[in-house]
Amino acid sequence: CQELGKKLLKLAQQLDNSPLKGLAFDDVQFADGH
């Protein structure tokens, strides 16, 4: 699930004006569907 999370983070960082750009996997958390 962590590997899947890394893929999701990359996809999230490709969104326009993504607030997660530049963040590493250890810099984020997965909670409440976000």
ModelCIF file with pLDDT and N, C-alpha, C, O atoms, coordinates in Angstrom:
data_MODEL
#
_entry.id   MODEL 
#
_entity.id                         1 
_entity.type                       polymer 
_entity.pdbx_number_of_molecules   1 
#
_entity_poly.entity_id                      1 
_entity_poly.type                           'polypeptide(L)' 
_entity_poly.nstd_linkage                   no 
_entity_poly.nstd_monomer                   no 
_entity_poly.pdbx_seq_one_letter_code       CQELGKKLLKLAQQLDNSPLKGLAFDDVQFADGH 
_entity_poly.pdbx_seq_one_letter_code_can   CQELGKKLLKLAQQLDNSPLKGLAFDDVQFADGH 
_entity_poly.pdbx_strand_id                 A 
#
loop_
_entity_poly_seq.entity_id 
_entity_poly_seq.num 
_entity_poly_seq.mon_id 
_entity_poly_seq.hetero 
1 1  CYS n 
1 2  GLN n 
1 3  GLU n 
1 4  LEU n 
1 5  GLY n 
1 6  LYS n 
1 7  LYS n 
1 8  LEU n 
1 9  LEU n 
1 10 LYS n 
1 11 LEU n 
1 12 ALA n 
1 13 GLN n 
1 14 GLN n 
1 15 LEU n 
1 16 ASP n 
1 17 ASN n 
1 18 SER n 
1 19 PRO n 
1 20 LEU n 
1 21 LYS n 
1 22 GLY n 
1 23 LEU n 
1 24 ALA n 
1 25 PHE n 
1 26 ASP n 
1 27 ASP n 
1 28 VAL n 
1 29 GLN n 
1 30 PHE n 
1 31 ALA n 
1 32 ASP n 
1 33 GLY n 
1 34 HIS n 
#
_struct_asym.id          A 
_struct_asym.entity_id   1 
#
loop_
_ma_qa_metric.id 
_ma_qa_metric.mode 
_ma_qa_metric.name 
_ma_qa_metric.software_group_id 
_ma_qa_metric.type 
1 global pLDDT . pLDDT 
2 local  pLDDT . pLDDT 
#
_ma_qa_metric_global.metric_id      1 
_ma_qa_metric_global.metric_value   96.88 
_ma_qa_metric_global.model_id       1 
_ma_qa_metric_global.ordinal_id     1 
#
loop_
_ma_qa_metric_local.label_asym_id 
_ma_qa_metric_local.label_comp_id 
_ma_qa_metric_local.label_seq_id 
_ma_qa_metric_local.metric_id 
_ma_qa_metric_local.metric_value 
_ma_qa_metric_local.model_id 
_ma_qa_metric_local.ordinal_id 
A CYS 1  2 98.00 1 1  
A GLN 2  2 98.00 1 2  
A GLU 3  2 98.00 1 3  
A LEU 4  2 98.00 1 4  
A GLY 5  2 98.00 1 5  
A LYS 6  2 98.00 1 6  
A LYS 7  2 97.00 1 7  
A LEU 8  2 97.00 1 8  
A LEU 9  2 98.00 1 9  
A LYS 10 2 97.00 1 10 
A LEU 11 2 96.00 1 11 
A ALA 12 2 97.00 1 12 
A GLN 13 2 97.00 1 13 
A GLN 14 2 95.00 1 14 
A LEU 15 2 95.00 1 15 
A ASP 16 2 94.00 1 16 
A ASN 17 2 94.00 1 17 
A SER 18 2 97.00 1 18 
A PRO 19 2 97.00 1 19 
A LEU 20 2 97.00 1 20 
A LYS 21 2 96.00 1 21 
A GLY 22 2 96.00 1 22 
A LEU 23 2 97.00 1 23 
A ALA 24 2 98.00 1 24 
A PHE 25 2 98.00 1 25 
A ASP 26 2 97.00 1 26 
A ASP 27 2 97.00 1 27 
A VAL 28 2 98.00 1 28 
A GLN 29 2 97.00 1 29 
A PHE 30 2 97.00 1 30 
A ALA 31 2 97.00 1 31 
A ASP 32 2 96.00 1 32 
A GLY 33 2 97.00 1 33 
A HIS 34 2 97.00 1 34 
#
loop_
_atom_site.group_PDB 
_atom_site.id 
_atom_site.type_symbol 
_atom_site.label_atom_id 
_atom_site.label_alt_id 
_atom_site.label_comp_id 
_atom_site.label_asym_id 
_atom_site.label_entity_id 
_atom_site.label_seq_id 
_atom_site.pdbx_PDB_ins_code 
_atom_site.Cartn_x 
_atom_site.Cartn_y 
_atom_site.Cartn_z 
_atom_site.occupancy 
_atom_site.B_iso_or_equiv 
_atom_site.pdbx_formal_charge 
_atom_site.auth_seq_id 
_atom_site.auth_comp_id 
_atom_site.auth_asym_id 
_atom_site.auth_atom_id 
_atom_site.pdbx_PDB_model_num 
ATOM 1   N N  . CYS A 1 1  ? 0.829   -1.211 0.000   1.00 98.00 ? 1  CYS A N  1 
ATOM 2   C CA . CYS A 1 1  ? 0.000   0.000  0.000   1.00 98.00 ? 1  CYS A CA 1 
ATOM 3   C C  . CYS A 1 1  ? 0.865   1.263  0.000   1.00 98.00 ? 1  CYS A C  1 
ATOM 4   O O  . CYS A 1 1  ? 0.468   2.288  -0.556  1.00 98.00 ? 1  CYS A O  1 
ATOM 5   N N  . GLN A 1 2  ? 2.026   1.193  0.612   1.00 98.00 ? 2  GLN A N  1 
ATOM 6   C CA . GLN A 1 2  ? 2.947   2.327  0.542   1.00 98.00 ? 2  GLN A CA 1 
ATOM 7   C C  . GLN A 1 2  ? 3.435   2.536  -0.891  1.00 98.00 ? 2  GLN A C  1 
ATOM 8   O O  . GLN A 1 2  ? 3.546   3.673  -1.351  1.00 98.00 ? 2  GLN A O  1 
ATOM 9   N N  . GLU A 1 3  ? 3.724   1.446  -1.594  1.00 98.00 ? 3  GLU A N  1 
ATOM 10  C CA . GLU A 1 3  ? 4.123   1.569  -3.001  1.00 98.00 ? 3  GLU A CA 1 
ATOM 11  C C  . GLU A 1 3  ? 2.997   2.178  -3.831  1.00 98.00 ? 3  GLU A C  1 
ATOM 12  O O  . GLU A 1 3  ? 3.235   3.005  -4.712  1.00 98.00 ? 3  GLU A O  1 
ATOM 13  N N  . LEU A 1 4  ? 1.768   1.757  -3.537  1.00 98.00 ? 4  LEU A N  1 
ATOM 14  C CA . LEU A 1 4  ? 0.627   2.338  -4.239  1.00 98.00 ? 4  LEU A CA 1 
ATOM 15  C C  . LEU A 1 4  ? 0.492   3.814  -3.882  1.00 98.00 ? 4  LEU A C  1 
ATOM 16  O O  . LEU A 1 4  ? 0.163   4.637  -4.735  1.00 98.00 ? 4  LEU A O  1 
ATOM 17  N N  . GLY A 1 5  ? 0.748   4.143  -2.621  1.00 98.00 ? 5  GLY A N  1 
ATOM 18  C CA . GLY A 1 5  ? 0.687   5.533  -2.182  1.00 98.00 ? 5  GLY A CA 1 
ATOM 19  C C  . GLY A 1 5  ? 1.697   6.412  -2.909  1.00 98.00 ? 5  GLY A C  1 
ATOM 20  O O  . GLY A 1 5  ? 1.406   7.566  -3.225  1.00 98.00 ? 5  GLY A O  1 
ATOM 21  N N  . LYS A 1 6  ? 2.880   5.871  -3.173  1.00 98.00 ? 6  LYS A N  1 
ATOM 22  C CA . LYS A 1 6  ? 3.896   6.631  -3.911  1.00 98.00 ? 6  LYS A CA 1 
ATOM 23  C C  . LYS A 1 6  ? 3.415   6.940  -5.325  1.00 98.00 ? 6  LYS A C  1 
ATOM 24  O O  . LYS A 1 6  ? 3.658   8.031  -5.841  1.00 98.00 ? 6  LYS A O  1 
ATOM 25  N N  . LYS A 1 7  ? 2.739   5.989  -5.947  1.00 97.00 ? 7  LYS A N  1 
ATOM 26  C CA . LYS A 1 7  ? 2.194   6.225  -7.288  1.00 97.00 ? 7  LYS A CA 1 
ATOM 27  C C  . LYS A 1 7  ? 1.102   7.297  -7.246  1.00 97.00 ? 7  LYS A C  1 
ATOM 28  O O  . LYS A 1 7  ? 1.019   8.153  -8.127  1.00 97.00 ? 7  LYS A O  1 
ATOM 29  N N  . LEU A 1 8  ? 0.262   7.232  -6.200  1.00 97.00 ? 8  LEU A N  1 
ATOM 30  C CA . LEU A 1 8  ? -0.808  8.224  -6.075  1.00 97.00 ? 8  LEU A CA 1 
ATOM 31  C C  . LEU A 1 8  ? -0.235  9.616  -5.849  1.00 97.00 ? 8  LEU A C  1 
ATOM 32  O O  . LEU A 1 8  ? -0.746  10.597 -6.391  1.00 97.00 ? 8  LEU A O  1 
ATOM 33  N N  . LEU A 1 9  ? 0.835   9.704  -5.044  1.00 98.00 ? 9  LEU A N  1 
ATOM 34  C CA . LEU A 1 9  ? 1.448   11.011 -4.795  1.00 98.00 ? 9  LEU A CA 1 
ATOM 35  C C  . LEU A 1 9  ? 1.990   11.604 -6.096  1.00 98.00 ? 9  LEU A C  1 
ATOM 36  O O  . LEU A 1 9  ? 1.835   12.801 -6.339  1.00 98.00 ? 9  LEU A O  1 
ATOM 37  N N  . LYS A 1 10 ? 2.614   10.790 -6.920  1.00 97.00 ? 10 LYS A N  1 
ATOM 38  C CA . LYS A 1 10 ? 3.133   11.285 -8.200  1.00 97.00 ? 10 LYS A CA 1 
ATOM 39  C C  . LYS A 1 10 ? 2.000   11.803 -9.086  1.00 97.00 ? 10 LYS A C  1 
ATOM 40  O O  . LYS A 1 10 ? 2.123   12.845 -9.730  1.00 97.00 ? 10 LYS A O  1 
ATOM 41  N N  . LEU A 1 11 ? 0.900   11.056 -9.106  1.00 96.00 ? 11 LEU A N  1 
ATOM 42  C CA . LEU A 1 11 ? -0.253  11.498 -9.902  1.00 96.00 ? 11 LEU A CA 1 
ATOM 43  C C  . LEU A 1 11 ? -0.833  12.792 -9.342  1.00 96.00 ? 11 LEU A C  1 
ATOM 44  O O  . LEU A 1 11 ? -1.246  13.673 -10.095 1.00 96.00 ? 11 LEU A O  1 
ATOM 45  N N  . ALA A 1 12 ? -0.861  12.899 -8.004  1.00 97.00 ? 12 ALA A N  1 
ATOM 46  C CA . ALA A 1 12 ? -1.400  14.109 -7.370  1.00 97.00 ? 12 ALA A CA 1 
ATOM 47  C C  . ALA A 1 12 ? -0.527  15.318 -7.675  1.00 97.00 ? 12 ALA A C  1 
ATOM 48  O O  . ALA A 1 12 ? -1.034  16.430 -7.818  1.00 97.00 ? 12 ALA A O  1 
ATOM 49  N N  . GLN A 1 13 ? 0.770   15.110 -7.774  1.00 97.00 ? 13 GLN A N  1 
ATOM 50  C CA . GLN A 1 13 ? 1.688   16.212 -8.047  1.00 97.00 ? 13 GLN A CA 1 
ATOM 51  C C  . GLN A 1 13 ? 1.614   16.679 -9.494  1.00 97.00 ? 13 GLN A C  1 
ATOM 52  O O  . GLN A 1 13 ? 2.125   17.747 -9.832  1.00 97.00 ? 13 GLN A O  1 
ATOM 53  N N  . GLN A 1 14 ? 0.976   15.878 -10.352 1.00 95.00 ? 14 GLN A N  1 
ATOM 54  C CA . GLN A 1 14 ? 0.813   16.262 -11.759 1.00 95.00 ? 14 GLN A CA 1 
ATOM 55  C C  . GLN A 1 14 ? -0.427  17.115 -11.990 1.00 95.00 ? 14 GLN A C  1 
ATOM 56  O O  . GLN A 1 14 ? -0.623  17.645 -13.083 1.00 95.00 ? 14 GLN A O  1 
ATOM 57  N N  . LEU A 1 15 ? -1.268  17.248 -10.962 1.00 95.00 ? 15 LEU A N  1 
ATOM 58  C CA . LEU A 1 15 ? -2.460  18.072 -11.088 1.00 95.00 ? 15 LEU A CA 1 
ATOM 59  C C  . LEU A 1 15 ? -2.076  19.543 -11.198 1.00 95.00 ? 15 LEU A C  1 
ATOM 60  O O  . LEU A 1 15 ? -1.060  19.974 -10.651 1.00 95.00 ? 15 LEU A O  1 
ATOM 61  N N  . ASP A 1 16 ? -2.899  20.307 -11.910 1.00 94.00 ? 16 ASP A N  1 
ATOM 62  C CA . ASP A 1 16 ? -2.656  21.752 -11.995 1.00 94.00 ? 16 ASP A CA 1 
ATOM 63  C C  . ASP A 1 16 ? -2.700  22.369 -10.608 1.00 94.00 ? 16 ASP A C  1 
ATOM 64  O O  . ASP A 1 16 ? -3.609  22.094 -9.826  1.00 94.00 ? 16 ASP A O  1 
ATOM 65  N N  . ASN A 1 17 ? -1.717  23.204 -10.308 1.00 94.00 ? 17 ASN A N  1 
ATOM 66  C CA . ASN A 1 17 ? -1.651  23.910 -9.026  1.00 94.00 ? 17 ASN A CA 1 
ATOM 67  C C  . ASN A 1 17 ? -1.692  22.960 -7.832  1.00 94.00 ? 17 ASN A C  1 
ATOM 68  O O  . ASN A 1 17 ? -2.280  23.276 -6.797  1.00 94.00 ? 17 ASN A O  1 
ATOM 69  N N  . SER A 1 18 ? -1.075  21.817 -7.980  1.00 97.00 ? 18 SER A N  1 
ATOM 70  C CA . SER A 1 18 ? -1.086  20.834 -6.890  1.00 97.00 ? 18 SER A CA 1 
ATOM 71  C C  . SER A 1 18 ? -0.380  21.391 -5.654  1.00 97.00 ? 18 SER A C  1 
ATOM 72  O O  . SER A 1 18 ? 0.749   21.871 -5.758  1.00 97.00 ? 18 SER A O  1 
ATOM 73  N N  . PRO A 1 19 ? -1.026  21.334 -4.483  1.00 97.00 ? 19 PRO A N  1 
ATOM 74  C CA . PRO A 1 19 ? -0.383  21.815 -3.251  1.00 97.00 ? 19 PRO A CA 1 
ATOM 75  C C  . PRO A 1 19 ? 0.689   20.854 -2.739  1.00 97.00 ? 19 PRO A C  1 
ATOM 76  O O  . PRO A 1 19 ? 1.368   21.144 -1.754  1.00 97.00 ? 19 PRO A O  1 
ATOM 77  N N  . LEU A 1 20 ? 0.837   19.714 -3.407  1.00 97.00 ? 20 LEU A N  1 
ATOM 78  C CA . LEU A 1 20 ? 1.774   18.697 -2.933  1.00 97.00 ? 20 LEU A CA 1 
ATOM 79  C C  . LEU A 1 20 ? 3.048   18.646 -3.768  1.00 97.00 ? 20 LEU A C  1 
ATOM 80  O O  . LEU A 1 20 ? 3.892   17.776 -3.553  1.00 97.00 ? 20 LEU A O  1 
ATOM 81  N N  . LYS A 1 21 ? 3.199   19.566 -4.717  1.00 96.00 ? 21 LYS A N  1 
ATOM 82  C CA . LYS A 1 21 ? 4.375   19.544 -5.576  1.00 96.00 ? 21 LYS A CA 1 
ATOM 83  C C  . LYS A 1 21 ? 5.653   19.703 -4.759  1.00 96.00 ? 21 LYS A C  1 
ATOM 84  O O  . LYS A 1 21 ? 5.730   20.513 -3.835  1.00 96.00 ? 21 LYS A O  1 
ATOM 85  N N  . GLY A 1 22 ? 6.648   18.907 -5.128  1.00 96.00 ? 22 GLY A N  1 
ATOM 86  C CA . GLY A 1 22 ? 7.946   19.001 -4.475  1.00 96.00 ? 22 GLY A CA 1 
ATOM 87  C C  . GLY A 1 22 ? 8.068   18.215 -3.187  1.00 96.00 ? 22 GLY A C  1 
ATOM 88  O O  . GLY A 1 22 ? 9.151   18.156 -2.605  1.00 96.00 ? 22 GLY A O  1 
ATOM 89  N N  . LEU A 1 23 ? 6.983   17.609 -2.727  1.00 97.00 ? 23 LEU A N  1 
ATOM 90  C CA . LEU A 1 23 ? 7.028   16.865 -1.469  1.00 97.00 ? 23 LEU A CA 1 
ATOM 91  C C  . LEU A 1 23 ? 7.428   15.410 -1.707  1.00 97.00 ? 23 LEU A C  1 
ATOM 92  O O  . LEU A 1 23 ? 6.990   14.778 -2.669  1.00 97.00 ? 23 LEU A O  1 
ATOM 93  N N  . ALA A 1 24 ? 8.263   14.897 -0.818  1.00 98.00 ? 24 ALA A N  1 
ATOM 94  C CA . ALA A 1 24 ? 8.631   13.482 -0.856  1.00 98.00 ? 24 ALA A CA 1 
ATOM 95  C C  . ALA A 1 24 ? 7.548   12.650 -0.178  1.00 98.00 ? 24 ALA A C  1 
ATOM 96  O O  . ALA A 1 24 ? 6.675   13.181 0.508   1.00 98.00 ? 24 ALA A O  1 
ATOM 97  N N  . PHE A 1 25 ? 7.622   11.352 -0.382  1.00 98.00 ? 25 PHE A N  1 
ATOM 98  C CA . PHE A 1 25 ? 6.597   10.474 0.198   1.00 98.00 ? 25 PHE A CA 1 
ATOM 99  C C  . PHE A 1 25 ? 6.562   10.601 1.720   1.00 98.00 ? 25 PHE A C  1 
ATOM 100 O O  . PHE A 1 25 ? 5.484   10.571 2.315   1.00 98.00 ? 25 PHE A O  1 
ATOM 101 N N  . ASP A 1 26 ? 7.720   10.740 2.353   1.00 97.00 ? 26 ASP A N  1 
ATOM 102 C CA . ASP A 1 26 ? 7.768   10.858 3.815   1.00 97.00 ? 26 ASP A CA 1 
ATOM 103 C C  . ASP A 1 26 ? 7.230   12.196 4.306   1.00 97.00 ? 26 ASP A C  1 
ATOM 104 O O  . ASP A 1 26 ? 7.033   12.379 5.507   1.00 97.00 ? 26 ASP A O  1 
ATOM 105 N N  . ASP A 1 27 ? 6.992   13.129 3.394   1.00 97.00 ? 27 ASP A N  1 
ATOM 106 C CA . ASP A 1 27 ? 6.494   14.448 3.785   1.00 97.00 ? 27 ASP A CA 1 
ATOM 107 C C  . ASP A 1 27 ? 4.972   14.514 3.786   1.00 97.00 ? 27 ASP A C  1 
ATOM 108 O O  . ASP A 1 27 ? 4.395   15.548 4.123   1.00 97.00 ? 27 ASP A O  1 
ATOM 109 N N  . VAL A 1 28 ? 4.318   13.413 3.410   1.00 98.00 ? 28 VAL A N  1 
ATOM 110 C CA . VAL A 1 28 ? 2.852   13.437 3.333   1.00 98.00 ? 28 VAL A CA 1 
ATOM 111 C C  . VAL A 1 28 ? 2.261   12.313 4.169   1.00 98.00 ? 28 VAL A C  1 
ATOM 112 O O  . VAL A 1 28 ? 2.957   11.383 4.577   1.00 98.00 ? 28 VAL A O  1 
ATOM 113 N N  . GLN A 1 29 ? 0.972   12.421 4.411   1.00 97.00 ? 29 GLN A N  1 
ATOM 114 C CA . GLN A 1 29 ? 0.218   11.379 5.108   1.00 97.00 ? 29 GLN A CA 1 
ATOM 115 C C  . GLN A 1 29 ? -1.058  11.107 4.336   1.00 97.00 ? 29 GLN A C  1 
ATOM 116 O O  . GLN A 1 29 ? -1.580  11.974 3.636   1.00 97.00 ? 29 GLN A O  1 
ATOM 117 N N  . PHE A 1 30 ? -1.549  9.886  4.478   1.00 97.00 ? 30 PHE A N  1 
ATOM 118 C CA . PHE A 1 30 ? -2.794  9.479  3.841   1.00 97.00 ? 30 PHE A CA 1 
ATOM 119 C C  . PHE A 1 30 ? -3.839  9.314  4.936   1.00 97.00 ? 30 PHE A C  1 
ATOM 120 O O  . PHE A 1 30 ? -3.697  8.464  5.814   1.00 97.00 ? 30 PHE A O  1 
ATOM 121 N N  . ALA A 1 31 ? -4.881  10.123 4.882   1.00 97.00 ? 31 ALA A N  1 
ATOM 122 C CA . ALA A 1 31 ? -5.897  10.072 5.934   1.00 97.00 ? 31 ALA A CA 1 
ATOM 123 C C  . ALA A 1 31 ? -7.205  10.631 5.410   1.00 97.00 ? 31 ALA A C  1 
ATOM 124 O O  . ALA A 1 31 ? -7.230  11.575 4.620   1.00 97.00 ? 31 ALA A O  1 
ATOM 125 N N  . ASP A 1 32 ? -8.284  10.031 5.864   1.00 96.00 ? 32 ASP A N  1 
ATOM 126 C CA . ASP A 1 32 ? -9.630  10.512 5.530   1.00 96.00 ? 32 ASP A CA 1 
ATOM 127 C C  . ASP A 1 32 ? -9.831  10.703 4.030   1.00 96.00 ? 32 ASP A C  1 
ATOM 128 O O  . ASP A 1 32 ? -10.483 11.651 3.594   1.00 96.00 ? 32 ASP A O  1 
ATOM 129 N N  . GLY A 1 33 ? -9.259  9.784  3.244   1.00 97.00 ? 33 GLY A N  1 
ATOM 130 C CA . GLY A 1 33 ? -9.453  9.830  1.800   1.00 97.00 ? 33 GLY A CA 1 
ATOM 131 C C  . GLY A 1 33 ? -8.637  10.890 1.097   1.00 97.00 ? 33 GLY A C  1 
ATOM 132 O O  . GLY A 1 33 ? -8.890  11.176 -0.073  1.00 97.00 ? 33 GLY A O  1 
ATOM 133 N N  . HIS A 1 34 ? -7.656  11.489 1.777   1.00 97.00 ? 34 HIS A N  1 
ATOM 134 C CA . HIS A 1 34 ? -6.845  12.556 1.206   1.00 97.00 ? 34 HIS A CA 1 
ATOM 135 C C  . HIS A 1 34 ? -5.357  12.245 1.357   1.00 97.00 ? 34 HIS A C  1 
ATOM 136 O O  . HIS A 1 34 ? -4.515  13.036 0.933   1.00 97.00 ? 34 HIS A O  1 
#
